[in-house]
PDB file of all heavy atoms in Angstrom:
ATOM      1  N   GLY A   1       0.764  -1.234   0.000  1.00  0.00           N
ATOM      2  CA  GLY A   1       0.000   0.000   0.000  1.00  0.00           C
ATOM      3  C   GLY A   1       0.796   1.286   0.000  1.00  0.00           C
ATOM      4  O   GLY A   1       0.268   2.333  -0.388  1.00  0.00           O
ATOM      5  N   SER A   2       2.042   1.251   0.443  1.00  0.00           N
ATOM      6  CA  SER A   2       2.806   2.495   0.552  1.00  0.00           C
ATOM      7  C   SER A   2       3.057   3.115  -0.819  1.00  0.00           C
ATOM      8  O   SER A   2       3.581   2.472  -1.725  1.00  0.00           O
ATOM      9  CB  SER A   2       4.151   2.234   1.246  1.00  0.00           C
ATOM     10  OG  SER A   2       4.953   3.400   1.207  1.00  0.00           O
ATOM     11  N   GLY A   3       2.701   4.394  -0.944  1.00  0.00           N
ATOM     12  CA  GLY A   3       2.937   5.089  -2.208  1.00  0.00           C
ATOM     13  C   GLY A   3       4.350   5.594  -2.365  1.00  0.00           C
ATOM     14  O   GLY A   3       4.766   5.918  -3.478  1.00  0.00           O
ATOM     15  N   MET A   4       5.121   5.658  -1.261  1.00  0.00           N
ATOM     16  CA  MET A   4       6.470   6.214  -1.321  1.00  0.00           C
ATOM     17  C   MET A   4       7.553   5.166  -1.123  1.00  0.00           C
ATOM     18  O   MET A   4       8.686   5.366  -1.549  1.00  0.00           O
ATOM     19  CB  MET A   4       6.622   7.323  -0.272  1.00  0.00           C
ATOM     20  CG  MET A   4       5.666   8.494  -0.495  1.00  0.00           C
ATOM     21  SD  MET A   4       5.930   9.874   0.631  1.00  0.00           S
ATOM     22  CE  MET A   4       7.454  10.546  -0.016  1.00  0.00           C
ATOM     23  N   GLN A   5       7.227   4.046  -0.460  1.00  0.00           N
ATOM     24  CA  GLN A   5       8.236   3.028  -0.194  1.00  0.00           C
ATOM     25  C   GLN A   5       7.797   1.637  -0.637  1.00  0.00           C
ATOM     26  O   GLN A   5       8.478   0.660  -0.338  1.00  0.00           O
ATOM     27  CB  GLN A   5       8.575   2.998   1.302  1.00  0.00           C
ATOM     28  CG  GLN A   5       9.093   4.313   1.837  1.00  0.00           C
ATOM     29  CD  GLN A   5       9.406   4.243   3.321  1.00  0.00           C
ATOM     30  OE1 GLN A   5      10.515   3.895   3.725  1.00  0.00           O
ATOM     31  NE2 GLN A   5       8.424   4.549   4.152  1.00  0.00           N
ATOM     32  N   GLY A   6       6.667   1.553  -1.329  1.00  0.00           N
ATOM     33  CA  GLY A   6       6.163   0.250  -1.738  1.00  0.00           C
ATOM     34  C   GLY A   6       5.530   0.294  -3.114  1.00  0.00           C
ATOM     35  O   GLY A   6       5.878   1.130  -3.949  1.00  0.00           O
ATOM     36  N   LEU A   7       4.553  -0.588  -3.330  1.00  0.00           N
ATOM     37  CA  LEU A   7       3.926  -0.725  -4.639  1.00  0.00           C
ATOM     38  C   LEU A   7       2.809   0.282  -4.872  1.00  0.00           C
ATOM     39  O   LEU A   7       2.339   0.430  -6.002  1.00  0.00           O
ATOM     40  CB  LEU A   7       3.386  -2.148  -4.811  1.00  0.00           C
ATOM     41  CG  LEU A   7       4.412  -3.281  -4.662  1.00  0.00           C
ATOM     42  CD1 LEU A   7       3.752  -4.627  -4.966  1.00  0.00           C
ATOM     43  CD2 LEU A   7       5.607  -3.059  -5.560  1.00  0.00           C
ATOM     44  N   GLY A   8       2.341   0.938  -3.814  1.00  0.00           N
ATOM     45  CA  GLY A   8       1.391   2.028  -3.976  1.00  0.00           C
ATOM     46  C   GLY A   8      -0.020   1.618  -4.332  1.00  0.00           C
ATOM     47  O   GLY A   8      -0.772   2.440  -4.859  1.00  0.00           O
ATOM     48  N   LEU A   9      -0.426   0.377  -4.054  1.00  0.00           N
ATOM     49  CA  LEU A   9      -1.796  -0.043  -4.369  1.00  0.00           C
ATOM     50  C   LEU A   9      -2.786   0.799  -3.575  1.00  0.00           C
ATOM     51  O   LEU A   9      -2.746   0.840  -2.349  1.00  0.00           O
ATOM     52  CB  LEU A   9      -1.985  -1.525  -4.042  1.00  0.00           C
ATOM     53  CG  LEU A   9      -1.253  -2.516  -4.955  1.00  0.00           C
ATOM     54  CD1 LEU A   9      -1.403  -3.933  -4.421  1.00  0.00           C
ATOM     55  CD2 LEU A   9      -1.794  -2.430  -6.380  1.00  0.00           C
ATOM     56  N   GLY A  10      -3.677   1.482  -4.251  1.00  0.00           N
ATOM     57  CA  GLY A  10      -4.682   2.309  -3.601  1.00  0.00           C
ATOM     58  C   GLY A  10      -4.219   3.691  -3.200  1.00  0.00           C
ATOM     59  O   GLY A  10      -5.025   4.508  -2.750  1.00  0.00           O
ATOM     60  N   SER A  11      -2.950   3.985  -3.345  1.00  0.00           N
ATOM     61  CA  SER A  11      -2.462   5.302  -2.930  1.00  0.00           C
ATOM     62  C   SER A  11      -2.805   6.351  -3.982  1.00  0.00           C
ATOM     63  O   SER A  11      -2.966   6.042  -5.166  1.00  0.00           O
ATOM     64  CB  SER A  11      -0.945   5.263  -2.714  1.00  0.00           C
ATOM     65  OG  SER A  11      -0.263   5.035  -3.930  1.00  0.00           O
ATOM     66  N   PHE A  12      -2.919   7.581  -3.548  1.00  0.00           N
ATOM     67  CA  PHE A  12      -3.172   8.683  -4.469  1.00  0.00           C
ATOM     68  C   PHE A  12      -2.652   9.968  -3.836  1.00  0.00           C
ATOM     69  O   PHE A  12      -2.277  10.002  -2.656  1.00  0.00           O
ATOM     70  CB  PHE A  12      -4.663   8.802  -4.804  1.00  0.00           C
ATOM     71  CG  PHE A  12      -5.554   9.079  -3.626  1.00  0.00           C
ATOM     72  CD1 PHE A  12      -5.884  10.383  -3.258  1.00  0.00           C
ATOM     73  CD2 PHE A  12      -6.074   8.030  -2.880  1.00  0.00           C
ATOM     74  CE1 PHE A  12      -6.698  10.633  -2.173  1.00  0.00           C
ATOM     75  CE2 PHE A  12      -6.896   8.281  -1.788  1.00  0.00           C
ATOM     76  CZ  PHE A  12      -7.211   9.581  -1.433  1.00  0.00           C
ATOM     77  N   ALA A  13      -2.622  11.031  -4.616  1.00  0.00           N
ATOM     78  CA  ALA A  13      -2.123  12.316  -4.139  1.00  0.00           C
ATOM     79  C   ALA A  13      -3.039  13.427  -4.600  1.00  0.00           C
ATOM     80  O   ALA A  13      -3.573  13.388  -5.710  1.00  0.00           O
ATOM     81  CB  ALA A  13      -0.704  12.559  -4.654  1.00  0.00           C
ATOM     82  N   LEU A  14      -3.220  14.419  -3.735  1.00  0.00           N
ATOM     83  CA  LEU A  14      -3.985  15.619  -4.074  1.00  0.00           C
ATOM     84  C   LEU A  14      -3.051  16.819  -3.992  1.00  0.00           C
ATOM     85  O   LEU A  14      -3.326  17.809  -3.317  1.00  0.00           O
ATOM     86  CB  LEU A  14      -5.170  15.771  -3.111  1.00  0.00           C
ATOM     87  CG  LEU A  14      -6.190  14.627  -3.135  1.00  0.00           C
ATOM     88  CD1 LEU A  14      -7.249  14.815  -2.049  1.00  0.00           C
ATOM     89  CD2 LEU A  14      -6.848  14.509  -4.501  1.00  0.00           C
ATOM     90  N   ASP A  15      -1.931  16.688  -4.671  1.00  0.00           N
ATOM     91  CA  ASP A  15      -0.860  17.684  -4.587  1.00  0.00           C
ATOM     92  C   ASP A  15      -0.199  17.786  -5.951  1.00  0.00           C
ATOM     93  O   ASP A  15       0.335  16.795  -6.469  1.00  0.00           O
ATOM     94  CB  ASP A  15       0.144  17.237  -3.512  1.00  0.00           C
ATOM     95  CG  ASP A  15       1.439  18.017  -3.537  1.00  0.00           C
ATOM     96  OD1 ASP A  15       1.411  19.186  -3.973  1.00  0.00           O
ATOM     97  OD2 ASP A  15       2.475  17.466  -3.127  1.00  0.00           O
ATOM     98  N   TRP A  16      -0.220  18.968  -6.539  1.00  0.00           N
ATOM     99  CA  TRP A  16       0.323  19.149  -7.883  1.00  0.00           C
ATOM    100  C   TRP A  16       1.819  18.869  -7.938  1.00  0.00           C
ATOM    101  O   TRP A  16       2.323  18.361  -8.932  1.00  0.00           O
ATOM    102  CB  TRP A  16       0.023  20.550  -8.397  1.00  0.00           C
ATOM    103  CG  TRP A  16       0.540  20.801  -9.780  1.00  0.00           C
ATOM    104  CD1 TRP A  16       1.562  21.625 -10.150  1.00  0.00           C
ATOM    105  CD2 TRP A  16       0.067  20.188 -10.994  1.00  0.00           C
ATOM    106  NE1 TRP A  16       1.755  21.577 -11.512  1.00  0.00           N
ATOM    107  CE2 TRP A  16       0.852  20.708 -12.055  1.00  0.00           C
ATOM    108  CE3 TRP A  16      -0.935  19.264 -11.283  1.00  0.00           C
ATOM    109  CZ2 TRP A  16       0.656  20.328 -13.382  1.00  0.00           C
ATOM    110  CZ3 TRP A  16      -1.124  18.888 -12.599  1.00  0.00           C
ATOM    111  CH2 TRP A  16      -0.341  19.411 -13.627  1.00  0.00           C
ATOM    112  N   SER A  17       2.565  19.196  -6.885  1.00  0.00           N
ATOM    113  CA  SER A  17       4.011  18.944  -6.916  1.00  0.00           C
ATOM    114  C   SER A  17       4.301  17.451  -6.956  1.00  0.00           C
ATOM    115  O   SER A  17       5.251  17.004  -7.592  1.00  0.00           O
ATOM    116  CB  SER A  17       4.704  19.594  -5.713  1.00  0.00           C
ATOM    117  OG  SER A  17       4.324  18.969  -4.502  1.00  0.00           O
ATOM    118  N   THR A  18       3.472  16.634  -6.283  1.00  0.00           N
ATOM    119  CA  THR A  18       3.623  15.176  -6.362  1.00  0.00           C
ATOM    120  C   THR A  18       3.314  14.681  -7.766  1.00  0.00           C
ATOM    121  O   THR A  18       4.001  13.817  -8.308  1.00  0.00           O
ATOM    122  CB  THR A  18       2.691  14.485  -5.353  1.00  0.00           C
ATOM    123  OG1 THR A  18       3.018  14.910  -4.034  1.00  0.00           O
ATOM    124  CG2 THR A  18       2.822  12.970  -5.441  1.00  0.00           C
ATOM    125  N   ILE A  19       2.291  15.251  -8.369  1.00  0.00           N
ATOM    126  CA  ILE A  19       1.850  14.805  -9.688  1.00  0.00           C
ATOM    127  C   ILE A  19       2.878  15.121 -10.764  1.00  0.00           C
ATOM    128  O   ILE A  19       3.174  14.284 -11.630  1.00  0.00           O
ATOM    129  CB  ILE A  19       0.491  15.455 -10.034  1.00  0.00           C
ATOM    130  CG1 ILE A  19      -0.595  14.938  -9.079  1.00  0.00           C
ATOM    131  CG2 ILE A  19       0.104  15.183 -11.488  1.00  0.00           C
ATOM    132  CD1 ILE A  19      -1.896  15.717  -9.150  1.00  0.00           C
ATOM    133  N   SER A  20       3.450  16.314 -10.731  1.00  0.00           N
ATOM    134  CA  SER A  20       4.293  16.772 -11.845  1.00  0.00           C
ATOM    135  C   SER A  20       5.780  16.770 -11.547  1.00  0.00           C
ATOM    136  O   SER A  20       6.581  17.154 -12.395  1.00  0.00           O
ATOM    137  CB  SER A  20       3.879  18.196 -12.249  1.00  0.00           C
ATOM    138  OG  SER A  20       4.091  19.101 -11.180  1.00  0.00           O
ATOM    139  N   SER A  21       6.188  16.310 -10.361  1.00  0.00           N
ATOM    140  CA  SER A  21       7.569  16.510  -9.924  1.00  0.00           C
ATOM    141  C   SER A  21       8.606  15.773 -10.768  1.00  0.00           C
ATOM    142  O   SER A  21       9.696  16.294 -10.995  1.00  0.00           O
ATOM    143  CB  SER A  21       7.716  16.095  -8.456  1.00  0.00           C
ATOM    144  OG  SER A  21       7.269  14.776  -8.265  1.00  0.00           O
ATOM    145  N   TYR A  22       8.320  14.583 -11.252  1.00  0.00           N
ATOM    146  CA  TYR A  22       9.337  13.802 -11.965  1.00  0.00           C
ATOM    147  C   TYR A  22       9.042  13.617 -13.445  1.00  0.00           C
ATOM    148  O   TYR A  22       9.960  13.594 -14.263  1.00  0.00           O
ATOM    149  CB  TYR A  22       9.491  12.425 -11.308  1.00  0.00           C
ATOM    150  CG  TYR A  22      10.059  12.499  -9.915  1.00  0.00           C
ATOM    151  CD1 TYR A  22       9.242  12.367  -8.805  1.00  0.00           C
ATOM    152  CD2 TYR A  22      11.417  12.734  -9.710  1.00  0.00           C
ATOM    153  CE1 TYR A  22       9.754  12.456  -7.519  1.00  0.00           C
ATOM    154  CE2 TYR A  22      11.942  12.818  -8.432  1.00  0.00           C
ATOM    155  CZ  TYR A  22      11.110  12.683  -7.335  1.00  0.00           C
ATOM    156  OH  TYR A  22      11.621  12.785  -6.081  1.00  0.00           O
ATOM    157  N   LEU A  23       7.795  13.467 -13.791  1.00  0.00           N
ATOM    158  CA  LEU A  23       7.429  13.194 -15.177  1.00  0.00           C
ATOM    159  C   LEU A  23       6.979  14.449 -15.922  1.00  0.00           C
ATOM    160  O   LEU A  23       6.611  14.368 -17.089  1.00  0.00           O
ATOM    161  CB  LEU A  23       6.312  12.149 -15.223  1.00  0.00           C
ATOM    162  CG  LEU A  23       6.660  10.782 -14.622  1.00  0.00           C
ATOM    163  CD1 LEU A  23       5.427   9.912 -14.549  1.00  0.00           C
ATOM    164  CD2 LEU A  23       7.742  10.098 -15.414  1.00  0.00           C
ATOM    165  N   GLY A  24       7.018  15.593 -15.251  1.00  0.00           N
ATOM    166  CA  GLY A  24       6.524  16.802 -15.880  1.00  0.00           C
ATOM    167  C   GLY A  24       5.010  16.855 -15.823  1.00  0.00           C
ATOM    168  O   GLY A  24       4.338  16.006 -15.225  1.00  0.00           O
ATOM    169  N   SER A  25       4.455  17.850 -16.449  1.00  0.00           N
ATOM    170  CA  SER A  25       2.998  18.017 -16.398  1.00  0.00           C
ATOM    171  C   SER A  25       2.295  16.932 -17.209  1.00  0.00           C
ATOM    172  O   SER A  25       2.569  16.752 -18.396  1.00  0.00           O
ATOM    173  CB  SER A  25       2.602  19.389 -16.952  1.00  0.00           C
ATOM    174  OG  SER A  25       1.195  19.475 -17.083  1.00  0.00           O
ATOM    175  N   PRO A  26       1.362  16.200 -16.589  1.00  0.00           N
ATOM    176  CA  PRO A  26       0.606  15.195 -17.361  1.00  0.00           C
ATOM    177  C   PRO A  26      -0.306  15.846 -18.397  1.00  0.00           C
ATOM    178  O   PRO A  26      -0.739  15.185 -19.340  1.00  0.00           O
ATOM    179  CB  PRO A  26      -0.207  14.472 -16.282  1.00  0.00           C
ATOM    180  CG  PRO A  26      -0.322  15.453 -15.168  1.00  0.00           C
ATOM    181  CD  PRO A  26       0.944  16.252 -15.183  1.00  0.00           C
ATOM    182  N   LEU A  27      -0.590  17.134 -18.247  1.00  0.00           N
ATOM    183  CA  LEU A  27      -1.453  17.828 -19.195  1.00  0.00           C
ATOM    184  C   LEU A  27      -0.752  18.057 -20.533  1.00  0.00           C
ATOM    185  O   LEU A  27      -1.406  18.350 -21.534  1.00  0.00           O
ATOM    186  CB  LEU A  27      -1.914  19.170 -18.621  1.00  0.00           C
ATOM    187  CG  LEU A  27      -3.098  19.129 -17.639  1.00  0.00           C
ATOM    188  CD1 LEU A  27      -2.750  18.368 -16.372  1.00  0.00           C
ATOM    189  CD2 LEU A  27      -3.554  20.543 -17.294  1.00  0.00           C
ATOM    190  N   ALA A  28       0.577  17.949 -20.544  1.00  0.00           N
ATOM    191  CA  ALA A  28       1.336  18.156 -21.778  1.00  0.00           C
ATOM    192  C   ALA A  28       1.674  16.852 -22.484  1.00  0.00           C
ATOM    193  O   ALA A  28       2.300  16.858 -23.542  1.00  0.00           O
ATOM    194  CB  ALA A  28       2.621  18.920 -21.476  1.00  0.00           C
ATOM    195  N   SER A  29       1.270  15.719 -21.887  1.00  0.00           N
ATOM    196  CA  SER A  29       1.605  14.421 -22.471  1.00  0.00           C
ATOM    197  C   SER A  29       0.463  13.929 -23.350  1.00  0.00           C
ATOM    198  O   SER A  29      -0.684  13.845 -22.890  1.00  0.00           O
ATOM    199  CB  SER A  29       1.869  13.396 -21.366  1.00  0.00           C
ATOM    200  OG  SER A  29       2.094  12.108 -21.904  1.00  0.00           O
ATOM    201  N   PRO A  30       0.726  13.583 -24.610  1.00  0.00           N
ATOM    202  CA  PRO A  30      -0.335  13.016 -25.451  1.00  0.00           C
ATOM    203  C   PRO A  30      -0.763  11.654 -24.913  1.00  0.00           C
ATOM    204  O   PRO A  30       0.035  10.933 -24.312  1.00  0.00           O
ATOM    205  CB  PRO A  30       0.331  12.903 -26.831  1.00  0.00           C
ATOM    206  CG  PRO A  30       1.795  12.873 -26.551  1.00  0.00           C
ATOM    207  CD  PRO A  30       2.010  13.691 -25.320  1.00  0.00           C
ATOM    208  N   TRP A  31      -2.019  11.299 -25.144  1.00  0.00           N
ATOM    209  CA  TRP A  31      -2.551  10.065 -24.585  1.00  0.00           C
ATOM    210  C   TRP A  31      -1.782   8.844 -25.060  1.00  0.00           C
ATOM    211  O   TRP A  31      -1.602   7.881 -24.301  1.00  0.00           O
ATOM    212  CB  TRP A  31      -4.031   9.928 -24.925  1.00  0.00           C
ATOM    213  CG  TRP A  31      -4.592   8.595 -24.542  1.00  0.00           C
ATOM    214  CD1 TRP A  31      -5.151   7.661 -25.349  1.00  0.00           C
ATOM    215  CD2 TRP A  31      -4.622   8.040 -23.219  1.00  0.00           C
ATOM    216  NE1 TRP A  31      -5.535   6.559 -24.636  1.00  0.00           N
ATOM    217  CE2 TRP A  31      -5.224   6.754 -23.304  1.00  0.00           C
ATOM    218  CE3 TRP A  31      -4.204   8.495 -21.972  1.00  0.00           C
ATOM    219  CZ2 TRP A  31      -5.410   5.941 -22.207  1.00  0.00           C
ATOM    220  CZ3 TRP A  31      -4.389   7.672 -20.868  1.00  0.00           C
ATOM    221  CH2 TRP A  31      -4.981   6.414 -20.989  1.00  0.00           C
ATOM    222  N   PHE A  32      -1.292   8.869 -26.293  1.00  0.00           N
ATOM    223  CA  PHE A  32      -0.516   7.747 -26.815  1.00  0.00           C
ATOM    224  C   PHE A  32       0.690   7.463 -25.914  1.00  0.00           C
ATOM    225  O   PHE A  32       0.963   6.317 -25.529  1.00  0.00           O
ATOM    226  CB  PHE A  32      -0.067   8.082 -28.241  1.00  0.00           C
ATOM    227  CG  PHE A  32       1.283   7.547 -28.626  1.00  0.00           C
ATOM    228  CD1 PHE A  32       1.465   6.213 -28.897  1.00  0.00           C
ATOM    229  CD2 PHE A  32       2.386   8.402 -28.713  1.00  0.00           C
ATOM    230  CE1 PHE A  32       2.711   5.720 -29.246  1.00  0.00           C
ATOM    231  CE2 PHE A  32       3.625   7.917 -29.060  1.00  0.00           C
ATOM    232  CZ  PHE A  32       3.791   6.572 -29.324  1.00  0.00           C
ATOM    233  N   ALA A  33       1.416   8.516 -25.541  1.00  0.00           N
ATOM    234  CA  ALA A  33       2.597   8.332 -24.684  1.00  0.00           C
ATOM    235  C   ALA A  33       2.175   7.950 -23.275  1.00  0.00           C
ATOM    236  O   ALA A  33       2.800   7.085 -22.637  1.00  0.00           O
ATOM    237  CB  ALA A  33       3.427   9.612 -24.675  1.00  0.00           C
ATOM    238  N   THR A  34       1.123   8.581 -22.759  1.00  0.00           N
ATOM    239  CA  THR A  34       0.652   8.266 -21.412  1.00  0.00           C
ATOM    240  C   THR A  34       0.241   6.803 -21.301  1.00  0.00           C
ATOM    241  O   THR A  34       0.525   6.138 -20.296  1.00  0.00           O
ATOM    242  CB  THR A  34      -0.538   9.173 -21.049  1.00  0.00           C
ATOM    243  OG1 THR A  34      -0.149  10.542 -21.171  1.00  0.00           O
ATOM    244  CG2 THR A  34      -1.013   8.917 -19.633  1.00  0.00           C
ATOM    245  N   ALA A  35      -0.426   6.285 -22.335  1.00  0.00           N
ATOM    246  CA  ALA A  35      -0.861   4.888 -22.317  1.00  0.00           C
ATOM    247  C   ALA A  35       0.331   3.942 -22.289  1.00  0.00           C
ATOM    248  O   ALA A  35       0.319   2.927 -21.572  1.00  0.00           O
ATOM    249  CB  ALA A  35      -1.739   4.604 -23.531  1.00  0.00           C
ATOM    250  N   ASN A  36       1.381   4.244 -23.055  1.00  0.00           N
ATOM    251  CA  ASN A  36       2.582   3.403 -23.024  1.00  0.00           C
ATOM    252  C   ASN A  36       3.254   3.447 -21.656  1.00  0.00           C
ATOM    253  O   ASN A  36       3.724   2.422 -21.153  1.00  0.00           O
ATOM    254  CB  ASN A  36       3.560   3.857 -24.105  1.00  0.00           C
ATOM    255  CG  ASN A  36       3.286   3.227 -25.459  1.00  0.00           C
ATOM    256  OD1 ASN A  36       3.702   2.101 -25.738  1.00  0.00           O
ATOM    257  ND2 ASN A  36       2.569   3.944 -26.305  1.00  0.00           N
ATOM    258  N   VAL A  37       3.296   4.627 -21.042  1.00  0.00           N
ATOM    259  CA  VAL A  37       3.865   4.742 -19.695  1.00  0.00           C
ATOM    260  C   VAL A  37       3.031   3.927 -18.715  1.00  0.00           C
ATOM    261  O   VAL A  37       3.570   3.235 -17.838  1.00  0.00           O
ATOM    262  CB  VAL A  37       3.929   6.223 -19.258  1.00  0.00           C
ATOM    263  CG1 VAL A  37       4.293   6.331 -17.776  1.00  0.00           C
ATOM    264  CG2 VAL A  37       4.941   6.988 -20.097  1.00  0.00           C
ATOM    265  N   ALA A  38       1.704   3.978 -18.857  1.00  0.00           N
ATOM    266  CA  ALA A  38       0.821   3.236 -17.955  1.00  0.00           C
ATOM    267  C   ALA A  38       1.072   1.730 -18.053  1.00  0.00           C
ATOM    268  O   ALA A  38       1.182   1.037 -17.035  1.00  0.00           O
ATOM    269  CB  ALA A  38      -0.643   3.557 -18.286  1.00  0.00           C
ATOM    270  N   VAL A  39       1.163   1.214 -19.276  1.00  0.00           N
ATOM    271  CA  VAL A  39       1.404  -0.222 -19.463  1.00  0.00           C
ATOM    272  C   VAL A  39       2.773  -0.602 -18.903  1.00  0.00           C
ATOM    273  O   VAL A  39       2.918  -1.615 -18.194  1.00  0.00           O
ATOM    274  CB  VAL A  39       1.301  -0.600 -20.952  1.00  0.00           C
ATOM    275  CG1 VAL A  39       1.728  -2.048 -21.176  1.00  0.00           C
ATOM    276  CG2 VAL A  39      -0.120  -0.388 -21.459  1.00  0.00           C
ATOM    277  N   GLY A  40       3.786   0.204 -19.207  1.00  0.00           N
ATOM    278  CA  GLY A  40       5.127  -0.081 -18.706  1.00  0.00           C
ATOM    279  C   GLY A  40       5.184  -0.058 -17.191  1.00  0.00           C
ATOM    280  O   GLY A  40       5.773  -0.950 -16.561  1.00  0.00           O
ATOM    281  N   PHE A  41       4.567   0.962 -16.591  1.00  0.00           N
ATOM    282  CA  PHE A  41       4.548   1.060 -15.127  1.00  0.00           C
ATOM    283  C   PHE A  41       3.851  -0.149 -14.512  1.00  0.00           C
ATOM    284  O   PHE A  41       4.341  -0.742 -13.539  1.00  0.00           O
ATOM    285  CB  PHE A  41       3.848   2.352 -14.706  1.00  0.00           C
ATOM    286  CG  PHE A  41       3.588   2.459 -13.233  1.00  0.00           C
ATOM    287  CD1 PHE A  41       4.620   2.697 -12.343  1.00  0.00           C
ATOM    288  CD2 PHE A  41       2.295   2.310 -12.727  1.00  0.00           C
ATOM    289  CE1 PHE A  41       4.383   2.786 -10.978  1.00  0.00           C
ATOM    290  CE2 PHE A  41       2.048   2.396 -11.373  1.00  0.00           C
ATOM    291  CZ  PHE A  41       3.093   2.642 -10.485  1.00  0.00           C
ATOM    292  N   PHE A  42       2.715  -0.556 -15.069  1.00  0.00           N
ATOM    293  CA  PHE A  42       1.979  -1.700 -14.525  1.00  0.00           C
ATOM    294  C   PHE A  42       2.810  -2.975 -14.599  1.00  0.00           C
ATOM    295  O   PHE A  42       2.917  -3.724 -13.620  1.00  0.00           O
ATOM    296  CB  PHE A  42       0.661  -1.889 -15.283  1.00  0.00           C
ATOM    297  CG  PHE A  42      -0.125  -3.087 -14.839  1.00  0.00           C
ATOM    298  CD1 PHE A  42      -0.954  -3.019 -13.733  1.00  0.00           C
ATOM    299  CD2 PHE A  42      -0.022  -4.297 -15.524  1.00  0.00           C
ATOM    300  CE1 PHE A  42      -1.677  -4.128 -13.308  1.00  0.00           C
ATOM    301  CE2 PHE A  42      -0.732  -5.409 -15.109  1.00  0.00           C
ATOM    302  CZ  PHE A  42      -1.561  -5.328 -13.990  1.00  0.00           C
ATOM    303  N   LEU A  43       3.416  -3.236 -15.754  1.00  0.00           N
ATOM    304  CA  LEU A  43       4.194  -4.471 -15.916  1.00  0.00           C
ATOM    305  C   LEU A  43       5.420  -4.492 -15.004  1.00  0.00           C
ATOM    306  O   LEU A  43       5.754  -5.532 -14.431  1.00  0.00           O
ATOM    307  CB  LEU A  43       4.622  -4.622 -17.379  1.00  0.00           C
ATOM    308  CG  LEU A  43       3.500  -4.881 -18.393  1.00  0.00           C
ATOM    309  CD1 LEU A  43       4.067  -4.914 -19.807  1.00  0.00           C
ATOM    310  CD2 LEU A  43       2.782  -6.193 -18.077  1.00  0.00           C
TER     311      LEU A  43
END
């Protein structure tokens, strides 16, 4: 369950700095790239 030290199952954030801190703004990512990142992250 840990979002910072584990697999993060069920974790979420309501903080823009958490959302955009490493991958940049998700609003600037086309869905095609976001979908590939999602599949890669899951696997």
